[in-house]
Protein backbone atom coordinates (compact mmCIF):
# COMPACT_ATOMS: atom_id res chain seq x y z
CA MET A 1 0.20 0.33 -0.06
CA ASP A 2 0.98 3.27 -0.60
CA THR A 3 1.38 4.63 3.26
CA GLY A 4 1.53 8.36 2.26
CA LYS A 5 -1.85 7.92 1.16
CA THR A 6 -2.88 5.92 4.14
CA ALA A 7 -1.36 7.90 6.61
CA PRO A 8 -2.94 9.63 9.78
CA PHE A 9 -3.77 13.46 9.61
CA GLU A 10 -4.29 16.40 11.31
CA LEU A 11 -6.26 19.37 9.44
CA GLY A 12 -7.10 23.31 10.68
CA ARG A 13 -7.52 24.94 14.15
CA GLY A 14 -10.09 25.90 16.44
CA ASP A 15 -11.40 26.00 19.96
CA ASP A 16 -13.36 22.27 18.94
CA ALA A 17 -11.92 19.37 17.63
CA CYS A 18 -13.51 16.20 15.77
CA LEU A 19 -11.96 12.40 15.80
CA LEU A 20 -12.36 10.70 12.96
CA LEU A 21 -12.31 7.08 12.99
CA HIS A 22 -11.69 4.66 9.61
CA GLY A 23 -13.10 1.53 8.43
CA PHE A 24 -11.89 -2.12 9.11
CA THR A 25 -8.85 -2.66 6.67
CA GLY A 26 -9.07 0.90 5.24
CA SER A 27 -7.21 4.05 6.64
CA PRO A 28 -7.76 7.18 7.51
CA TRP A 29 -7.93 8.65 3.39
CA GLU A 30 -11.28 7.45 3.50
CA MET A 31 -12.07 10.19 5.98
CA PHE A 32 -10.13 13.44 4.42
CA PRO A 33 -12.89 14.74 2.60
CA LEU A 34 -15.23 14.90 5.41
CA GLY A 35 -11.94 15.90 7.47
CA GLU A 36 -11.45 19.45 5.41
CA ALA A 37 -14.38 20.17 5.09
CA LEU A 38 -14.48 20.08 8.95
CA ALA A 39 -11.84 22.27 8.64
CA ALA A 40 -12.28 25.01 6.63
CA GLN A 41 -15.76 25.47 9.20
CA GLY A 42 -12.66 26.48 12.02
CA MET A 43 -12.59 22.65 13.83
CA TYR A 44 -9.17 21.21 14.74
CA VAL A 45 -9.52 17.64 13.02
CA LYS A 46 -7.75 14.55 13.59
CA ALA A 47 -7.67 11.61 12.02
CA PRO A 48 -5.13 8.17 13.26
CA ARG A 49 -4.23 4.87 11.77
CA LEU A 50 -5.32 1.77 13.62
CA PRO A 51 -3.23 -0.80 14.85
CA GLY A 52 -2.52 -2.99 11.97
CA HIS A 53 -4.27 -0.94 8.99
CA GLY A 54 -2.44 0.98 6.04
CA THR A 55 0.46 -0.98 5.29
CA THR A 56 0.86 -4.50 4.54
CA PRO A 57 -1.73 -7.73 5.47
CA GLU A 58 0.62 -9.32 7.89
CA ALA A 59 0.08 -6.38 10.17
CA LEU A 60 -3.56 -7.71 11.12
CA LEU A 61 -1.82 -10.95 12.62
CA GLU A 62 -0.85 -9.28 15.53
CA VAL A 63 -4.02 -7.21 16.40
CA ASN A 64 -7.40 -7.50 17.81
CA HIS A 65 -10.51 -5.07 18.76
CA ARG A 66 -8.50 -4.52 21.72
CA ASP A 67 -6.05 -2.63 20.37
CA TRP A 68 -8.16 -0.54 17.87
CA GLU A 69 -10.52 0.46 21.18
CA GLN A 70 -7.42 1.39 22.74
CA ALA A 71 -6.10 3.66 19.82
CA ALA A 72 -9.47 5.56 19.44
CA ALA A 73 -9.53 6.07 23.62
CA GLU A 74 -5.73 7.44 22.92
CA SER A 75 -6.80 9.63 19.89
CA LEU A 76 -9.68 11.06 22.68
CA ARG A 77 -7.34 11.87 25.11
CA SER A 78 -5.14 13.68 23.11
CA LEU A 79 -8.21 16.27 22.85
CA THR A 80 -8.21 17.03 26.02
CA GLY A 81 -8.15 20.81 26.38
CA PHE A 82 -10.51 22.05 23.69
CA ARG A 83 -13.69 23.28 24.70
CA ARG A 84 -15.98 20.71 22.56
CA VAL A 85 -14.90 17.44 21.17
CA PHE A 86 -17.12 15.61 18.40
CA VAL A 87 -16.27 12.22 17.47
CA ALA A 88 -17.07 10.69 14.13
CA GLY A 89 -16.94 6.98 12.81
CA LEU A 90 -17.01 5.23 9.28
CA SER A 91 -17.80 1.52 8.93
CA MET A 92 -16.09 0.01 11.99
CA GLY A 93 -14.84 3.45 13.04
CA ALA A 94 -18.18 4.09 13.65
CA LEU A 95 -19.16 0.90 16.05
CA LEU A 96 -15.34 2.34 17.76
CA ALA A 97 -17.01 5.92 17.79
CA LEU A 98 -20.29 4.79 19.31
CA GLY A 99 -18.25 3.22 21.97
CA LEU A 100 -16.36 5.97 23.01
CA ALA A 101 -19.92 8.50 23.11
CA ALA A 102 -20.99 5.83 25.65
CA GLN A 103 -17.78 5.67 27.95
CA PHE A 104 -17.30 9.11 27.62
CA PRO A 105 -20.55 11.41 27.74
CA GLN A 106 -18.40 13.68 29.48
CA VAL A 107 -16.29 14.43 26.62
CA VAL A 108 -18.23 13.70 23.35
CA ARG A 109 -20.53 16.25 22.81
CA GLY A 110 -21.90 14.87 19.13
CA LEU A 111 -21.51 11.26 17.38
CA VAL A 112 -21.69 10.61 13.72
CA LEU A 113 -22.30 7.32 12.82
CA ILE A 114 -21.44 6.84 9.20
CA ALA A 115 -22.50 3.58 7.29
CA PRO A 116 -21.81 1.99 11.09
CA ALA A 117 -21.06 -2.14 10.50
CA ALA A 118 -24.06 -2.72 12.31
CA ARG A 119 -25.24 -5.23 10.44
CA PHE A 120 -22.99 -6.50 7.02
CA LYS A 121 -25.47 -7.39 3.74
CA GLY A 122 -25.63 -11.15 2.55
CA PRO A 123 -25.72 -14.28 3.61
CA THR A 124 -21.96 -14.88 3.39
CA MET A 125 -21.56 -13.02 6.64
CA ALA A 126 -23.92 -14.59 8.38
CA LEU A 127 -22.93 -18.00 7.94
CA LEU A 128 -19.23 -17.67 8.38
CA LYS A 129 -20.70 -15.28 11.78
CA GLY A 130 -21.79 -18.90 12.38
CA LEU A 131 -18.62 -20.70 12.05
CA ARG A 132 -17.14 -17.79 14.42
CA HIS A 133 -16.57 -20.12 17.41
CA THR A 134 -16.19 -23.37 15.59
CA GLY A 135 -12.28 -22.28 14.48
CA LEU A 136 -13.17 -23.74 11.06
CA LEU A 137 -12.73 -20.05 9.25
CA GLU A 138 -9.21 -19.73 10.34
CA TRP A 139 -8.52 -23.35 9.17
CA MET A 140 -10.90 -23.51 5.96
CA LYS A 141 -9.89 -19.62 5.00
CA PRO A 142 -6.77 -17.60 7.24
CA TRP A 143 -6.90 -14.86 4.60
CA VAL A 144 -9.46 -13.02 2.61
CA PHE A 145 -8.24 -12.03 -0.27
CA LYS A 146 -9.90 -8.20 -1.92
CA ASP A 147 -9.21 -6.04 -4.98
CA SER A 148 -11.33 -3.57 -4.80
CA THR A 149 -13.32 -1.27 -2.45
CA ASP A 150 -17.21 -0.30 -2.47
CA LEU A 151 -16.84 3.36 -4.08
CA SER A 152 -19.39 4.00 -7.05
CA ASP A 153 -16.83 6.89 -8.17
CA PRO A 154 -14.67 5.05 -10.78
CA VAL A 155 -12.15 8.28 -9.88
CA ALA A 156 -12.25 7.53 -6.06
CA LEU A 157 -11.90 3.94 -6.83
CA ALA A 158 -9.01 4.27 -9.22
CA GLU A 159 -7.00 6.43 -6.42
CA ALA A 160 -8.24 4.15 -3.60
CA PRO A 161 -5.45 2.04 -1.39
CA ILE A 162 -6.76 -1.48 -0.95
CA LEU A 163 -4.92 -3.51 1.51
CA PRO A 164 -4.98 -6.75 -0.48
CA ALA A 165 -5.83 -9.24 2.04
CA PHE A 166 -6.52 -9.74 6.07
CA PRO A 167 -6.50 -12.29 8.26
CA SER A 168 -10.37 -14.07 8.45
CA ALA A 169 -9.49 -13.90 12.43
CA ARG A 170 -9.91 -10.59 12.42
CA LEU A 171 -13.30 -10.99 11.48
CA ASN A 172 -14.39 -12.17 14.93
CA ASP A 173 -13.29 -8.54 16.17
CA LEU A 174 -15.69 -7.15 14.47
CA TRP A 175 -18.42 -9.05 15.41
CA THR A 176 -17.13 -8.64 19.05
CA LEU A 177 -17.25 -4.94 18.48
CA GLN A 178 -20.62 -4.99 16.98
CA ALA A 179 -22.01 -6.81 19.98
CA SER A 180 -20.24 -4.25 22.28
CA ALA A 181 -22.21 -0.99 20.12
CA LEU A 182 -25.52 -2.83 20.63
CA ALA A 183 -24.60 -3.08 24.33
CA GLN A 184 -23.18 0.13 24.79
CA ALA A 185 -26.05 2.23 22.75
CA PRO A 186 -28.41 3.10 25.24
CA LEU A 187 -25.40 4.79 26.97
CA VAL A 188 -24.95 7.42 24.48
CA ARG A 189 -26.17 10.76 25.75
CA CYS A 190 -24.56 12.89 23.31
CA PRO A 191 -26.97 13.85 20.11
CA THR A 192 -26.13 11.43 17.15
CA LEU A 193 -26.50 11.53 13.45
CA VAL A 194 -26.15 8.17 11.15
CA ALA A 195 -25.95 8.06 7.91
CA VAL A 196 -26.33 5.12 5.37
CA ALA A 197 -26.14 4.98 1.61
CA GLN A 198 -28.76 3.10 0.03
CA GLN A 199 -26.25 1.39 -2.22
CA ASP A 200 -24.05 0.26 0.34
CA HIS A 201 -23.01 -3.25 -0.91
CA VAL A 202 -20.93 -4.32 2.43
CA VAL A 203 -23.46 -3.60 5.29
CA ASP A 204 -27.30 -2.78 5.33
CA PRO A 205 -28.29 0.10 5.82
CA GLU A 206 -31.65 -1.07 7.14
CA GLY A 207 -29.02 -1.85 9.92
CA GLY A 208 -27.66 1.62 10.90
CA GLN A 209 -31.51 2.46 11.12
CA TRP A 210 -31.87 -0.70 13.48
CA LEU A 211 -28.92 0.74 15.56
CA ALA A 212 -30.13 4.10 15.87
CA HIS A 213 -33.05 2.67 17.22
CA HIS A 214 -31.00 1.59 19.97
CA LEU A 215 -29.65 4.79 21.30
CA THR A 216 -32.47 5.25 23.36
CA GLY A 217 -30.41 7.11 25.64
CA ALA A 218 -29.53 9.86 23.30
CA ALA A 219 -30.43 13.68 23.18
CA SER A 220 -31.14 13.32 19.32
CA VAL A 221 -30.79 11.09 17.02
CA ARG A 222 -31.29 11.86 13.24
CA ILE A 223 -30.56 9.13 10.43
CA LEU A 224 -30.18 10.54 7.03
CA SER A 225 -30.40 8.38 3.60
CA LEU A 226 -28.69 9.01 0.72
CA GLN A 227 -29.25 7.76 -2.16
CA GLU A 228 -25.93 8.42 -4.24
CA GLY A 229 -22.97 6.38 -3.52
CA TYR A 230 -21.59 3.09 -1.89
CA HIS A 231 -19.91 2.35 1.25
CA ILE A 232 -17.22 4.49 1.70
CA ILE A 233 -19.46 7.53 1.76
CA PRO A 234 -16.78 10.26 2.36
CA ARG A 235 -15.04 9.53 -0.45
CA ASP A 236 -18.08 8.80 -3.06
CA ARG A 237 -20.42 10.26 -4.81
CA GLY A 238 -22.55 10.82 -1.41
CA GLY A 239 -19.46 13.07 0.03
CA PRO A 240 -20.35 16.61 -0.60
CA ARG A 241 -24.06 15.83 0.95
CA LEU A 242 -22.21 14.53 3.94
CA ALA A 243 -19.90 16.73 4.88
CA LEU A 244 -23.21 19.33 4.07
CA GLU A 245 -24.45 17.39 6.61
CA VAL A 246 -22.22 17.14 9.07
CA GLY A 247 -21.47 20.42 9.47
CA ALA A 248 -25.32 21.83 10.02
CA PHE A 249 -25.55 18.55 12.51
CA LEU A 250 -22.56 20.22 14.51
CA HIS A 251 -22.77 24.25 14.20
CA PRO A 252 -25.81 24.22 17.11
CA LEU A 253 -23.73 21.45 19.11
CA ARG A 254 -20.70 23.63 18.98
CA LYS A 255 -22.60 27.20 19.43
CA ARG A 256 -24.42 26.07 22.82
CA ASN A 257 -23.50 28.05 26.01
CA GLU A 258 -22.32 25.36 28.55
CA SER A 259 -20.93 25.62 31.52
CA LEU A 260 -19.05 22.29 31.68
CA GLY A 261 -15.68 24.28 30.12
CA ALA A 262 -13.29 22.38 28.30
CA ALA A 263 -13.16 18.34 27.62
CA LYS A 264 -11.57 15.98 30.25
CA LEU A 265 -10.38 12.46 30.01
CA ASP A 266 -8.89 11.47 32.74
CA GLU A 267 -9.41 8.01 32.89
CA ALA A 268 -8.78 4.82 31.15
CA PRO A 269 -11.58 3.55 29.24
CA PRO A 270 -13.43 0.54 31.37
CA ALA A 271 -12.53 -2.80 30.35
CA LEU A 272 -14.57 -4.46 27.47
């Protein structure tokens, strides 16, 4: 992979910050257009590269969901001192973002879930999930190979850095994060925007709405349904609309007069 493309990035400056979390086998590249849009609105934006991602398939052999959760929490901790902190995640990154909002409600003032990987599309993943506790998945198919990503825009698809394979064992970590997100959803307190693409070929867009219905403690929940583009929404045809909607969603949250002061995160995340 072109590690220059997949590198973490920081953009903009301001009193408010937004943490952007990419998806499984993806990289910060997926989130860059959204990051640019938020930076242009006067926010500081940080997009880390999750452990094992954006380099080689072998790098994913030695990591699991706990490493990704820890990296997300550490990135959130690095934003201590900003007036307000928001979190947005794509696919698996959305599940991690939800976990942060649930665990640190005093820090995360707004949450954006983009094509959340609450339920995968098609019967194949359901079949594989049924094998997760048998050991057969890793034995029969230790590697999953891929030569493309879910983008409808041919220009973005041609530019996309694609990890050519990943260990099938990491699917277990995805399913663990799904269960964790569902369990933690009622603990989210902040306003939440859920964005789904109706033509998504990776996750079921109705799964995003299903997850949204479990955000029973959130101050507000809005669902944005995009007709254009596939799974990697920020880089696809629906990306400009997404950026506008996220900016509009965050704008009133940034204008609120609150007495809580700068965001603080002094404790390690609870064990999952």
